[in-house]
N, C-alpha and C. Protein backbone atom coordinates (compact mmCIF):
# COMPACT_ATOMS: atom_id res chain seq x y z
N MET A 1 0.84 -1.21 0.00
CA MET A 1 0.00 0.00 0.00
C MET A 1 0.88 1.26 0.00
N ARG A 2 1.84 1.20 0.76
CA ARG A 2 2.71 2.35 0.84
C ARG A 2 3.38 2.62 -0.48
N THR A 3 3.78 1.55 -1.12
CA THR A 3 4.44 1.70 -2.43
C THR A 3 3.46 2.28 -3.44
N LEU A 4 2.24 1.80 -3.43
CA LEU A 4 1.22 2.29 -4.36
C LEU A 4 0.95 3.78 -4.13
N PHE A 5 0.94 4.19 -2.88
CA PHE A 5 0.67 5.59 -2.55
C PHE A 5 1.74 6.51 -3.13
N PHE A 6 3.01 6.09 -2.99
CA PHE A 6 4.10 6.89 -3.54
C PHE A 6 4.05 6.95 -5.05
N LEU A 7 3.65 5.85 -5.67
CA LEU A 7 3.56 5.84 -7.14
C LEU A 7 2.49 6.81 -7.61
N LEU A 8 1.36 6.87 -6.93
CA LEU A 8 0.30 7.79 -7.32
C LEU A 8 0.75 9.25 -7.15
N VAL A 9 1.46 9.52 -6.07
CA VAL A 9 1.96 10.89 -5.86
C VAL A 9 2.91 11.29 -6.97
N LEU A 10 3.82 10.40 -7.32
CA LEU A 10 4.78 10.69 -8.39
C LEU A 10 4.07 10.91 -9.72
N ALA A 11 3.03 10.09 -9.98
CA ALA A 11 2.29 10.23 -11.24
C ALA A 11 1.60 11.59 -11.29
N ASN A 12 1.02 12.01 -10.17
CA ASN A 12 0.36 13.32 -10.15
C ASN A 12 1.35 14.46 -10.34
N LEU A 13 2.50 14.35 -9.73
CA LEU A 13 3.52 15.40 -9.91
C LEU A 13 3.99 15.47 -11.35
N ALA A 14 4.18 14.31 -11.96
CA ALA A 14 4.63 14.29 -13.35
C ALA A 14 3.58 14.90 -14.27
N PHE A 15 2.31 14.58 -14.03
CA PHE A 15 1.24 15.14 -14.87
C PHE A 15 1.15 16.66 -14.70
N PHE A 16 1.29 17.10 -13.43
CA PHE A 16 1.21 18.54 -13.18
C PHE A 16 2.34 19.28 -13.86
N ALA A 17 3.54 18.70 -13.82
CA ALA A 17 4.68 19.33 -14.48
C ALA A 17 4.49 19.39 -15.98
N TRP A 18 4.00 18.30 -16.54
CA TRP A 18 3.76 18.30 -18.01
C TRP A 18 2.74 19.34 -18.38
N TRP A 19 1.64 19.38 -17.62
CA TRP A 19 0.56 20.34 -17.94
C TRP A 19 1.03 21.78 -17.78
N ARG A 20 1.88 22.04 -16.83
CA ARG A 20 2.30 23.42 -16.52
C ARG A 20 3.31 23.96 -17.52
N PHE A 21 4.26 23.10 -17.90
CA PHE A 21 5.39 23.59 -18.73
C PHE A 21 5.42 23.10 -20.16
N ALA A 22 4.70 22.02 -20.48
CA ALA A 22 4.82 21.44 -21.81
C ALA A 22 3.59 21.66 -22.66
N ALA A 23 2.43 21.63 -22.05
CA ALA A 23 1.20 21.70 -22.83
C ALA A 23 1.01 23.11 -23.35
N ALA A 24 0.63 23.28 -24.63
CA ALA A 24 0.38 24.59 -25.25
C ALA A 24 -0.94 25.12 -24.76
N PRO A 25 -1.06 26.38 -24.43
CA PRO A 25 -2.33 26.94 -23.98
C PRO A 25 -3.29 27.06 -25.13
N ASP A 26 -4.55 26.93 -24.80
CA ASP A 26 -5.54 27.09 -25.86
C ASP A 26 -5.72 28.58 -26.14
N ALA A 27 -6.59 28.88 -27.16
CA ALA A 27 -6.74 30.27 -27.60
C ALA A 27 -7.26 31.17 -26.51
N GLY A 28 -8.10 30.65 -25.68
CA GLY A 28 -8.68 31.49 -24.63
C GLY A 28 -8.01 31.31 -23.30
N GLY A 29 -6.88 30.52 -23.25
CA GLY A 29 -6.23 30.23 -21.98
C GLY A 29 -5.29 31.30 -21.55
N ASP A 30 -4.57 31.01 -20.46
CA ASP A 30 -3.60 31.96 -19.93
C ASP A 30 -2.40 32.07 -20.84
N PRO A 31 -1.72 33.19 -20.86
CA PRO A 31 -0.49 33.31 -21.66
C PRO A 31 0.60 32.45 -21.07
N LEU A 32 1.69 32.33 -21.86
CA LEU A 32 2.84 31.56 -21.40
C LEU A 32 3.43 32.22 -20.18
N PRO A 33 4.11 31.45 -19.37
CA PRO A 33 4.78 32.04 -18.21
C PRO A 33 5.75 33.12 -18.64
N ILE A 34 6.01 34.08 -17.75
CA ILE A 34 6.88 35.22 -18.07
C ILE A 34 8.27 34.78 -18.48
N GLY A 35 8.73 33.67 -17.90
CA GLY A 35 10.05 33.16 -18.25
C GLY A 35 10.13 32.69 -19.67
N ARG A 36 8.96 32.28 -20.28
CA ARG A 36 8.98 31.83 -21.67
C ARG A 36 8.65 32.95 -22.64
N GLN A 37 8.08 34.08 -22.15
CA GLN A 37 7.77 35.19 -23.05
C GLN A 37 8.98 36.10 -23.29
N ILE A 38 9.90 36.23 -22.36
CA ILE A 38 11.04 37.15 -22.45
C ILE A 38 12.31 36.36 -22.65
N GLU A 39 13.18 36.88 -23.55
CA GLU A 39 14.48 36.24 -23.77
C GLU A 39 15.50 37.00 -22.94
N PRO A 40 15.88 36.47 -21.83
CA PRO A 40 16.78 37.20 -20.91
C PRO A 40 18.09 37.60 -21.53
N GLU A 41 18.62 36.75 -22.46
CA GLU A 41 19.94 37.06 -23.01
C GLU A 41 19.93 38.33 -23.88
N LYS A 42 18.72 38.76 -24.29
CA LYS A 42 18.64 39.96 -25.13
C LYS A 42 18.33 41.23 -24.33
N LEU A 43 18.15 41.10 -23.06
CA LEU A 43 17.86 42.27 -22.24
C LEU A 43 19.15 43.05 -21.96
N LYS A 44 19.02 44.39 -21.88
CA LYS A 44 20.18 45.26 -21.60
C LYS A 44 19.73 46.35 -20.64
N ILE A 45 20.48 46.49 -19.58
CA ILE A 45 20.16 47.51 -18.59
C ILE A 45 20.83 48.82 -19.01
N ILE A 46 20.04 49.91 -19.08
CA ILE A 46 20.53 51.22 -19.52
C ILE A 46 20.48 52.17 -18.34
N SER A 47 21.60 52.87 -18.12
CA SER A 47 21.64 53.86 -17.05
C SER A 47 21.08 55.19 -17.57
N PRO A 48 20.68 56.08 -16.70
CA PRO A 48 20.16 57.39 -17.15
C PRO A 48 21.16 58.17 -17.99
N ALA A 49 22.47 57.97 -17.74
CA ALA A 49 23.47 58.72 -18.52
C ALA A 49 23.50 58.29 -19.97
N ASP A 50 23.03 56.99 -20.23
CA ASP A 50 23.04 56.49 -21.60
C ASP A 50 21.83 56.93 -22.40
N LEU A 51 20.85 57.51 -21.74
CA LEU A 51 19.65 57.93 -22.45
C LEU A 51 19.97 59.14 -23.34
N PRO A 52 19.36 59.24 -24.52
CA PRO A 52 19.60 60.40 -25.39
C PRO A 52 19.10 61.67 -24.71
N ALA A 53 19.87 62.74 -24.92
CA ALA A 53 19.49 64.01 -24.30
C ALA A 53 18.22 64.54 -24.94
N ALA A 54 17.43 65.18 -24.13
CA ALA A 54 16.20 65.78 -24.64
C ALA A 54 16.56 66.94 -25.56
N PRO A 55 15.85 67.10 -26.65
CA PRO A 55 16.17 68.20 -27.58
C PRO A 55 16.04 69.55 -26.89
N VAL A 56 17.04 70.42 -27.18
CA VAL A 56 17.04 71.76 -26.59
C VAL A 56 16.13 72.66 -27.41
N ALA A 57 15.29 73.36 -26.74
CA ALA A 57 14.37 74.26 -27.45
C ALA A 57 15.17 75.37 -28.14
N GLN A 58 14.88 75.58 -29.42
CA GLN A 58 15.57 76.61 -30.19
C GLN A 58 15.08 77.99 -29.77
N LYS A 59 16.05 78.90 -29.53
CA LYS A 59 15.68 80.26 -29.20
C LYS A 59 15.20 80.98 -30.45
N PRO A 60 14.19 81.81 -30.34
CA PRO A 60 13.74 82.55 -31.52
C PRO A 60 14.82 83.50 -32.01
N ALA A 61 14.88 83.67 -33.33
CA ALA A 61 15.89 84.57 -33.91
C ALA A 61 15.64 85.99 -33.43
N PRO A 62 16.72 86.72 -33.13
CA PRO A 62 16.53 88.11 -32.68
C PRO A 62 15.96 88.96 -33.81
N PRO A 63 15.19 89.97 -33.49
CA PRO A 63 14.63 90.83 -34.54
C PRO A 63 15.74 91.57 -35.27
N PRO A 64 15.55 91.88 -36.54
CA PRO A 64 16.58 92.62 -37.28
C PRO A 64 16.79 93.99 -36.67
N PRO A 65 18.03 94.49 -36.71
CA PRO A 65 18.30 95.81 -36.13
C PRO A 65 17.54 96.90 -36.86
N ALA A 66 17.20 97.90 -36.14
CA ALA A 66 16.49 99.03 -36.74
C ALA A 66 17.41 99.73 -37.73
N PRO A 67 16.86 100.19 -38.85
CA PRO A 67 17.71 100.87 -39.84
C PRO A 67 18.34 102.12 -39.25
N ALA A 68 19.59 102.34 -39.65
CA ALA A 68 20.30 103.51 -39.14
C ALA A 68 19.66 104.79 -39.69
N PRO A 69 19.61 105.84 -38.91
CA PRO A 69 19.03 107.09 -39.42
C PRO A 69 19.88 107.63 -40.55
N PRO A 70 19.26 108.28 -41.52
CA PRO A 70 20.04 108.81 -42.64
C PRO A 70 21.06 109.83 -42.14
N PRO A 71 22.25 109.81 -42.72
CA PRO A 71 23.28 110.74 -42.25
C PRO A 71 22.89 112.19 -42.52
N VAL A 72 23.25 113.04 -41.60
CA VAL A 72 23.01 114.47 -41.81
C VAL A 72 24.21 115.04 -42.54
N ALA A 73 23.97 116.10 -43.27
CA ALA A 73 25.02 116.66 -44.11
C ALA A 73 25.27 118.11 -43.75
N CYS A 74 26.43 118.57 -44.16
CA CYS A 74 26.75 120.00 -44.10
C CYS A 74 26.83 120.48 -45.54
N LEU A 75 26.01 121.44 -45.85
CA LEU A 75 25.99 121.98 -47.21
C LEU A 75 26.33 123.46 -47.18
N GLU A 76 26.96 123.92 -48.25
CA GLU A 76 27.21 125.35 -48.36
C GLU A 76 26.68 125.85 -49.69
N TRP A 77 26.22 127.09 -49.65
CA TRP A 77 25.55 127.69 -50.80
C TRP A 77 26.27 129.00 -51.13
N GLY A 78 26.63 129.17 -52.38
CA GLY A 78 27.33 130.38 -52.77
C GLY A 78 27.75 130.31 -54.24
N SER A 79 28.74 131.03 -54.60
CA SER A 79 29.26 132.13 -53.79
C SER A 79 28.55 133.42 -54.20
N PHE A 80 28.45 134.35 -53.23
CA PHE A 80 27.72 135.59 -53.45
C PHE A 80 28.62 136.78 -53.14
N THR A 81 28.37 137.87 -53.84
CA THR A 81 29.09 139.10 -53.52
C THR A 81 28.53 139.68 -52.23
N LEU A 82 29.27 140.60 -51.65
CA LEU A 82 28.80 141.24 -50.42
C LEU A 82 27.50 141.99 -50.66
N ALA A 83 27.32 142.50 -51.87
CA ALA A 83 26.09 143.22 -52.19
C ALA A 83 24.88 142.29 -52.22
N ASP A 84 25.10 141.03 -52.58
CA ASP A 84 24.00 140.07 -52.66
C ASP A 84 23.71 139.38 -51.33
N ALA A 85 24.59 139.54 -50.35
CA ALA A 85 24.46 138.78 -49.10
C ALA A 85 23.14 139.05 -48.40
N GLY A 86 22.71 140.31 -48.35
CA GLY A 86 21.45 140.63 -47.67
C GLY A 86 20.26 139.94 -48.31
N ARG A 87 20.24 139.89 -49.63
CA ARG A 87 19.12 139.24 -50.33
C ARG A 87 19.11 137.74 -50.06
N VAL A 88 20.29 137.12 -49.99
CA VAL A 88 20.37 135.69 -49.73
C VAL A 88 19.91 135.37 -48.31
N GLU A 89 20.35 136.16 -47.35
CA GLU A 89 19.95 135.92 -45.97
C GLU A 89 18.44 136.06 -45.79
N LYS A 90 17.83 136.97 -46.51
CA LYS A 90 16.38 137.13 -46.44
C LYS A 90 15.68 135.89 -47.01
N ALA A 91 16.26 135.30 -48.07
CA ALA A 91 15.67 134.09 -48.65
C ALA A 91 15.78 132.90 -47.70
N LEU A 92 16.80 132.91 -46.83
CA LEU A 92 17.00 131.80 -45.88
C LEU A 92 16.17 131.94 -44.61
N GLU A 93 15.63 133.11 -44.34
CA GLU A 93 14.90 133.34 -43.09
C GLU A 93 13.76 132.36 -42.85
N PRO A 94 12.91 132.03 -43.85
CA PRO A 94 11.80 131.11 -43.59
C PRO A 94 12.24 129.72 -43.12
N LEU A 95 13.49 129.35 -43.34
CA LEU A 95 13.96 128.03 -42.93
C LEU A 95 14.28 127.96 -41.44
N ALA A 96 14.34 129.12 -40.77
CA ALA A 96 14.58 129.16 -39.32
C ALA A 96 15.78 128.29 -38.92
N LEU A 97 16.92 128.55 -39.53
CA LEU A 97 18.10 127.70 -39.33
C LEU A 97 18.81 127.98 -38.01
N GLY A 98 18.67 129.16 -37.47
CA GLY A 98 19.30 129.47 -36.19
C GLY A 98 20.81 129.27 -36.23
N SER A 99 21.32 128.56 -35.21
CA SER A 99 22.77 128.37 -35.09
C SER A 99 23.34 127.42 -36.13
N ARG A 100 22.47 126.76 -36.89
CA ARG A 100 22.99 125.86 -37.93
C ARG A 100 23.52 126.62 -39.14
N LEU A 101 23.22 127.90 -39.23
CA LEU A 101 23.64 128.71 -40.37
C LEU A 101 24.87 129.53 -39.99
N THR A 102 25.93 129.37 -40.76
CA THR A 102 27.14 130.17 -40.58
C THR A 102 27.58 130.73 -41.92
N GLN A 103 28.52 131.64 -41.87
CA GLN A 103 28.97 132.32 -43.08
C GLN A 103 30.47 132.13 -43.24
N ARG A 104 30.88 131.86 -44.47
CA ARG A 104 32.31 131.73 -44.78
C ARG A 104 32.66 132.71 -45.89
N ARG A 105 33.72 133.46 -45.69
CA ARG A 105 34.13 134.43 -46.70
C ARG A 105 35.43 133.97 -47.37
N SER A 106 35.55 134.33 -48.62
CA SER A 106 36.75 133.96 -49.38
C SER A 106 37.01 135.02 -50.43
N GLU A 107 38.21 134.98 -50.96
CA GLU A 107 38.55 135.84 -52.09
C GLU A 107 38.67 134.97 -53.32
N GLU A 108 37.94 135.32 -54.34
CA GLU A 108 37.89 134.49 -55.53
C GLU A 108 38.22 135.30 -56.77
N THR A 109 38.82 134.61 -57.71
CA THR A 109 39.07 135.23 -59.01
C THR A 109 37.75 135.36 -59.75
N THR A 110 37.46 136.54 -60.20
CA THR A 110 36.17 136.77 -60.86
C THR A 110 36.25 136.71 -62.38
N SER A 111 37.46 136.66 -62.91
CA SER A 111 37.57 136.56 -64.37
C SER A 111 38.84 135.79 -64.75
N TRP A 112 38.78 135.15 -65.90
CA TRP A 112 39.88 134.36 -66.43
C TRP A 112 40.10 134.78 -67.88
N TRP A 113 41.33 134.69 -68.30
CA TRP A 113 41.58 135.06 -69.69
C TRP A 113 42.47 134.05 -70.38
N VAL A 114 42.37 134.07 -71.71
CA VAL A 114 43.25 133.29 -72.57
C VAL A 114 44.23 134.29 -73.18
N PHE A 115 45.51 134.01 -73.06
CA PHE A 115 46.49 135.02 -73.47
C PHE A 115 47.78 134.36 -73.96
N ILE A 116 48.54 135.16 -74.66
CA ILE A 116 49.92 134.80 -75.04
C ILE A 116 50.83 135.72 -74.24
N ARG A 117 51.81 135.17 -73.61
CA ARG A 117 52.66 135.92 -72.68
C ARG A 117 53.32 137.14 -73.35
N PRO A 118 53.73 138.15 -72.51
CA PRO A 118 54.32 139.38 -73.06
C PRO A 118 55.47 139.08 -74.03
N GLN A 119 55.47 139.84 -75.14
CA GLN A 119 56.46 139.63 -76.20
C GLN A 119 57.66 140.57 -76.09
N GLY A 120 57.71 141.36 -75.04
CA GLY A 120 58.90 142.19 -74.78
C GLY A 120 58.85 143.58 -75.37
N SER A 121 58.09 143.75 -76.41
CA SER A 121 58.00 145.07 -77.05
C SER A 121 56.76 145.11 -77.93
N ARG A 122 56.46 146.34 -78.41
CA ARG A 122 55.30 146.46 -79.30
C ARG A 122 55.55 145.70 -80.59
N GLN A 123 56.78 145.78 -81.10
CA GLN A 123 57.10 145.08 -82.34
C GLN A 123 56.91 143.56 -82.17
N GLY A 124 57.34 143.04 -81.01
CA GLY A 124 57.17 141.61 -80.78
C GLY A 124 55.70 141.22 -80.72
N ALA A 125 54.89 142.06 -80.08
CA ALA A 125 53.45 141.77 -79.99
C ALA A 125 52.80 141.83 -81.37
N LEU A 126 53.20 142.81 -82.19
CA LEU A 126 52.62 142.91 -83.53
C LEU A 126 53.00 141.69 -84.38
N LYS A 127 54.22 141.22 -84.21
CA LYS A 127 54.63 140.03 -84.94
C LYS A 127 53.77 138.83 -84.56
N LYS A 128 53.48 138.71 -83.28
CA LYS A 128 52.66 137.58 -82.81
C LYS A 128 51.23 137.68 -83.35
N THR A 129 50.68 138.89 -83.39
CA THR A 129 49.32 139.03 -83.92
C THR A 129 49.28 138.72 -85.41
N ALA A 130 50.37 139.00 -86.12
CA ALA A 130 50.41 138.65 -87.54
C ALA A 130 50.35 137.13 -87.70
N GLU A 131 51.01 136.40 -86.82
CA GLU A 131 50.94 134.93 -86.86
C GLU A 131 49.51 134.45 -86.58
N LEU A 132 48.84 135.13 -85.66
CA LEU A 132 47.46 134.74 -85.34
C LEU A 132 46.54 134.97 -86.54
N ARG A 133 46.71 136.10 -87.21
CA ARG A 133 45.87 136.37 -88.38
C ARG A 133 46.10 135.32 -89.46
N ALA A 134 47.34 134.87 -89.59
CA ALA A 134 47.64 133.84 -90.58
C ALA A 134 46.92 132.53 -90.26
N LEU A 135 46.62 132.29 -88.99
CA LEU A 135 45.90 131.07 -88.57
C LEU A 135 44.39 131.27 -88.57
N GLY A 136 43.95 132.48 -88.94
CA GLY A 136 42.51 132.74 -88.99
C GLY A 136 41.94 133.30 -87.71
N VAL A 137 42.79 133.70 -86.77
CA VAL A 137 42.32 134.25 -85.50
C VAL A 137 42.22 135.76 -85.65
N ARG A 138 41.03 136.31 -85.37
CA ARG A 138 40.81 137.74 -85.50
C ARG A 138 40.45 138.41 -84.17
N ASP A 139 40.02 137.63 -83.18
CA ASP A 139 39.56 138.20 -81.91
C ASP A 139 40.72 138.23 -80.91
N TYR A 140 41.41 139.36 -80.82
CA TYR A 140 42.55 139.51 -79.91
C TYR A 140 42.80 140.99 -79.70
N PHE A 141 43.60 141.33 -78.70
CA PHE A 141 44.09 142.70 -78.55
C PHE A 141 45.41 142.66 -77.78
N ILE A 142 46.23 143.69 -77.99
CA ILE A 142 47.53 143.79 -77.34
C ILE A 142 47.38 144.59 -76.04
N VAL A 143 47.91 144.02 -74.93
CA VAL A 143 47.87 144.70 -73.64
C VAL A 143 48.98 145.76 -73.62
N GLN A 144 48.57 147.03 -73.38
CA GLN A 144 49.54 148.12 -73.43
C GLN A 144 49.65 148.89 -72.12
N ASP A 145 48.86 148.48 -71.09
CA ASP A 145 48.94 149.22 -69.83
C ASP A 145 50.24 148.89 -69.11
N ASP A 146 50.56 149.70 -68.12
CA ASP A 146 51.82 149.53 -67.39
C ASP A 146 51.63 148.48 -66.29
N SER A 147 51.77 147.23 -66.66
CA SER A 147 51.60 146.12 -65.72
C SER A 147 52.52 144.99 -66.12
N ASP A 148 52.45 143.92 -65.36
CA ASP A 148 53.29 142.76 -65.69
C ASP A 148 52.87 142.12 -67.01
N HIS A 149 51.69 142.44 -67.51
CA HIS A 149 51.20 141.84 -68.75
C HIS A 149 51.40 142.76 -69.97
N ARG A 150 52.16 143.83 -69.83
CA ARG A 150 52.39 144.74 -70.95
C ARG A 150 53.01 143.99 -72.13
N TRP A 151 52.43 144.19 -73.31
CA TRP A 151 52.80 143.57 -74.58
C TRP A 151 52.42 142.08 -74.65
N ALA A 152 51.53 141.68 -73.74
CA ALA A 152 50.91 140.35 -73.92
C ALA A 152 49.78 140.48 -74.93
N VAL A 153 49.34 139.34 -75.46
CA VAL A 153 48.23 139.33 -76.41
C VAL A 153 47.06 138.61 -75.76
N SER A 154 45.97 139.34 -75.56
CA SER A 154 44.77 138.75 -74.96
C SER A 154 43.89 138.15 -76.05
N LEU A 155 43.40 136.96 -75.78
CA LEU A 155 42.52 136.26 -76.73
C LEU A 155 41.12 136.05 -76.15
N GLY A 156 40.80 136.76 -75.07
CA GLY A 156 39.45 136.68 -74.50
C GLY A 156 39.47 136.64 -72.99
N VAL A 157 38.49 137.32 -72.37
CA VAL A 157 38.32 137.34 -70.92
C VAL A 157 36.96 136.72 -70.59
N PHE A 158 36.93 135.83 -69.58
CA PHE A 158 35.72 135.05 -69.29
C PHE A 158 35.45 135.04 -67.79
N ARG A 159 34.18 134.79 -67.44
CA ARG A 159 33.78 134.79 -66.03
C ARG A 159 34.08 133.47 -65.34
N SER A 160 34.32 132.42 -66.09
CA SER A 160 34.61 131.11 -65.48
C SER A 160 35.82 130.49 -66.16
N VAL A 161 36.54 129.68 -65.41
CA VAL A 161 37.70 129.01 -65.97
C VAL A 161 37.28 128.00 -67.02
N GLU A 162 36.08 127.43 -66.87
CA GLU A 162 35.61 126.46 -67.87
C GLU A 162 35.42 127.12 -69.23
N ALA A 163 34.85 128.33 -69.22
CA ALA A 163 34.66 129.03 -70.49
C ALA A 163 36.01 129.39 -71.12
N ALA A 164 36.96 129.78 -70.29
CA ALA A 164 38.29 130.11 -70.80
C ALA A 164 38.96 128.87 -71.40
N GLN A 165 38.82 127.74 -70.75
CA GLN A 165 39.42 126.52 -71.27
C GLN A 165 38.76 126.08 -72.58
N ALA A 166 37.47 126.33 -72.72
CA ALA A 166 36.80 126.01 -73.98
C ALA A 166 37.35 126.88 -75.11
N ARG A 167 37.58 128.15 -74.83
CA ARG A 167 38.17 129.05 -75.83
C ARG A 167 39.57 128.58 -76.22
N LEU A 168 40.36 128.18 -75.22
CA LEU A 168 41.71 127.69 -75.50
C LEU A 168 41.67 126.45 -76.38
N ALA A 169 40.73 125.55 -76.12
CA ALA A 169 40.62 124.33 -76.93
C ALA A 169 40.30 124.68 -78.38
N ALA A 170 39.44 125.69 -78.58
CA ALA A 170 39.12 126.10 -79.95
C ALA A 170 40.34 126.68 -80.65
N LEU A 171 41.14 127.47 -79.93
CA LEU A 171 42.36 128.03 -80.52
C LEU A 171 43.37 126.94 -80.86
N ARG A 172 43.45 125.92 -80.00
CA ARG A 172 44.34 124.80 -80.30
C ARG A 172 43.92 124.15 -81.62
N GLY A 173 42.63 124.08 -81.83
CA GLY A 173 42.15 123.50 -83.08
C GLY A 173 42.53 124.32 -84.30
N GLN A 174 42.76 125.61 -84.12
CA GLN A 174 43.18 126.48 -85.22
C GLN A 174 44.69 126.51 -85.41
N GLY A 175 45.40 125.84 -84.50
CA GLY A 175 46.85 125.78 -84.64
C GLY A 175 47.61 126.69 -83.71
N VAL A 176 46.94 127.39 -82.79
CA VAL A 176 47.63 128.27 -81.84
C VAL A 176 48.23 127.40 -80.74
N ARG A 177 49.53 127.49 -80.55
CA ARG A 177 50.21 126.62 -79.59
C ARG A 177 50.76 127.37 -78.37
N THR A 178 50.86 128.67 -78.40
CA THR A 178 51.51 129.41 -77.31
C THR A 178 50.52 130.07 -76.35
N ALA A 179 49.24 129.93 -76.57
CA ALA A 179 48.24 130.53 -75.68
C ALA A 179 48.06 129.69 -74.42
N GLU A 180 47.56 130.31 -73.36
CA GLU A 180 47.30 129.62 -72.10
C GLU A 180 46.17 130.31 -71.35
N VAL A 181 45.72 129.68 -70.25
CA VAL A 181 44.63 130.22 -69.43
C VAL A 181 45.20 130.66 -68.09
N GLY A 182 44.72 131.79 -67.56
CA GLY A 182 45.15 132.26 -66.25
C GLY A 182 44.15 133.23 -65.65
N PRO A 183 44.25 133.51 -64.34
CA PRO A 183 43.37 134.50 -63.72
C PRO A 183 43.71 135.90 -64.23
N ARG A 184 42.68 136.76 -64.29
CA ARG A 184 42.89 138.09 -64.87
C ARG A 184 43.08 139.15 -63.79
N ASP A 185 43.77 138.82 -62.71
CA ASP A 185 44.13 139.81 -61.68
C ASP A 185 42.93 140.49 -61.05
N THR A 186 41.76 139.90 -61.15
CA THR A 186 40.58 140.49 -60.53
C THR A 186 40.12 139.59 -59.41
N VAL A 187 40.26 140.05 -58.17
CA VAL A 187 39.89 139.26 -57.00
C VAL A 187 38.80 140.01 -56.25
N ALA A 188 37.75 139.28 -55.87
CA ALA A 188 36.64 139.90 -55.14
C ALA A 188 36.30 139.08 -53.91
N ALA A 189 35.80 139.77 -52.88
CA ALA A 189 35.34 139.07 -51.67
C ALA A 189 34.04 138.35 -51.98
N LYS A 190 33.96 137.10 -51.57
CA LYS A 190 32.77 136.29 -51.81
C LYS A 190 32.27 135.70 -50.50
N VAL A 191 30.98 135.40 -50.45
CA VAL A 191 30.36 134.86 -49.25
C VAL A 191 29.74 133.50 -49.57
N TRP A 192 30.00 132.53 -48.71
CA TRP A 192 29.36 131.21 -48.76
C TRP A 192 28.55 131.04 -47.47
N TYR A 193 27.35 130.48 -47.60
CA TYR A 193 26.51 130.19 -46.43
C TYR A 193 26.53 128.69 -46.17
N GLN A 194 26.96 128.32 -44.97
CA GLN A 194 27.05 126.90 -44.59
C GLN A 194 25.90 126.54 -43.65
N VAL A 195 25.27 125.39 -43.94
CA VAL A 195 24.15 124.90 -43.13
C VAL A 195 24.51 123.50 -42.65
N THR A 196 24.47 123.28 -41.34
CA THR A 196 24.80 121.96 -40.77
C THR A 196 23.52 121.20 -40.40
N SER A 197 23.70 119.90 -40.12
CA SER A 197 22.58 119.02 -39.73
C SER A 197 21.44 119.09 -40.74
N VAL A 198 21.80 118.90 -41.99
CA VAL A 198 20.82 118.99 -43.07
C VAL A 198 20.20 117.61 -43.30
N ASP A 199 18.89 117.49 -43.11
CA ASP A 199 18.20 116.24 -43.44
C ASP A 199 17.62 116.36 -44.84
N ALA A 200 16.94 115.30 -45.28
CA ALA A 200 16.45 115.27 -46.67
C ALA A 200 15.45 116.39 -46.98
N PRO A 201 14.45 116.66 -46.11
CA PRO A 201 13.53 117.75 -46.44
C PRO A 201 14.22 119.12 -46.55
N LEU A 202 15.15 119.38 -45.63
CA LEU A 202 15.85 120.67 -45.68
C LEU A 202 16.73 120.75 -46.92
N GLN A 203 17.35 119.65 -47.28
CA GLN A 203 18.18 119.65 -48.48
C GLN A 203 17.35 119.97 -49.72
N ALA A 204 16.13 119.44 -49.78
CA ALA A 204 15.25 119.71 -50.92
C ALA A 204 14.91 121.20 -50.99
N ARG A 205 14.66 121.83 -49.85
CA ARG A 205 14.32 123.25 -49.85
C ARG A 205 15.52 124.11 -50.25
N LEU A 206 16.71 123.71 -49.80
CA LEU A 206 17.91 124.45 -50.20
C LEU A 206 18.16 124.33 -51.70
N LYS A 207 17.90 123.17 -52.24
CA LYS A 207 18.07 123.00 -53.69
C LYS A 207 17.10 123.90 -54.46
N ASP A 208 15.89 124.03 -53.95
CA ASP A 208 14.92 124.92 -54.60
C ASP A 208 15.43 126.36 -54.59
N LEU A 209 15.98 126.81 -53.47
CA LEU A 209 16.52 128.16 -53.40
C LEU A 209 17.68 128.34 -54.37
N ALA A 210 18.56 127.34 -54.45
CA ALA A 210 19.71 127.44 -55.35
C ALA A 210 19.28 127.55 -56.80
N ARG A 211 18.18 126.86 -57.14
CA ARG A 211 17.69 126.95 -58.52
C ARG A 211 17.12 128.34 -58.82
N GLN A 212 16.58 128.98 -57.80
CA GLN A 212 15.98 130.30 -58.01
C GLN A 212 17.03 131.39 -58.22
N LEU A 213 18.22 131.20 -57.65
CA LEU A 213 19.30 132.18 -57.82
C LEU A 213 20.29 131.65 -58.86
N GLU A 214 20.13 132.10 -60.06
CA GLU A 214 20.96 131.60 -61.16
C GLU A 214 22.43 131.91 -60.90
N GLY A 215 23.26 130.92 -61.17
CA GLY A 215 24.70 131.09 -60.98
C GLY A 215 25.20 130.66 -59.61
N SER A 216 24.27 130.40 -58.67
CA SER A 216 24.70 129.94 -57.35
C SER A 216 24.91 128.43 -57.36
N GLU A 217 25.62 127.95 -56.37
CA GLU A 217 25.98 126.53 -56.30
C GLU A 217 25.74 126.01 -54.89
N LEU A 218 25.08 124.85 -54.79
CA LEU A 218 24.88 124.17 -53.50
C LEU A 218 25.73 122.91 -53.51
N LYS A 219 26.62 122.78 -52.54
CA LYS A 219 27.55 121.65 -52.52
C LYS A 219 27.88 121.28 -51.08
N GLU A 220 28.58 120.16 -50.90
CA GLU A 220 29.00 119.75 -49.57
C GLU A 220 30.06 120.69 -49.03
N CYS A 221 30.05 120.85 -47.71
CA CYS A 221 31.04 121.73 -47.09
C CYS A 221 32.45 121.16 -47.29
N PRO A 222 33.43 122.00 -47.49
CA PRO A 222 34.81 121.51 -47.67
C PRO A 222 35.37 120.94 -46.37
């Protein structure tokens, strides 16, 4: 009896082991034991230091810098004779320039001439004019006053150096080689009006004034 009892116990244990570990579960049964669902050899323990860093939030781009203010300018308007200065200052009054308006005075050559240097005597000057006539030049005169230019030959007097240079170029085209341009010993006091801190609207108004006074010039301060 004792032997039979042990045999029955062993048989029950064997059946229980087979049912627990060998028999496949049915569709509605319990899942496999956790030891059979996970492959331990493929598991890896990761420390917090091995985790990828969280993405850093991007800072918004800074706004573009404000545009720089337009540069202010210093302009001067001129040149005017002393007799014209009062009229110019009256024209500037509506602009209320105050301390931004200053005056600069200068001495300027008021005329330029094209000439052939002194020939030493009247006979020398007459000889030179004969050469000019042979080249077709008729507009000239001999300087006879008591000055450093006595017995020079003048070929024209002009209010601007540009006009004098144009005359010289024309004479060169006729074959005159000894003529030149120079100041005609006439110097006059001139006035320039300088305006500082000029913005675009003020510059436009100054340009309008300069157009109204023929012969005047508006330019940057030297």
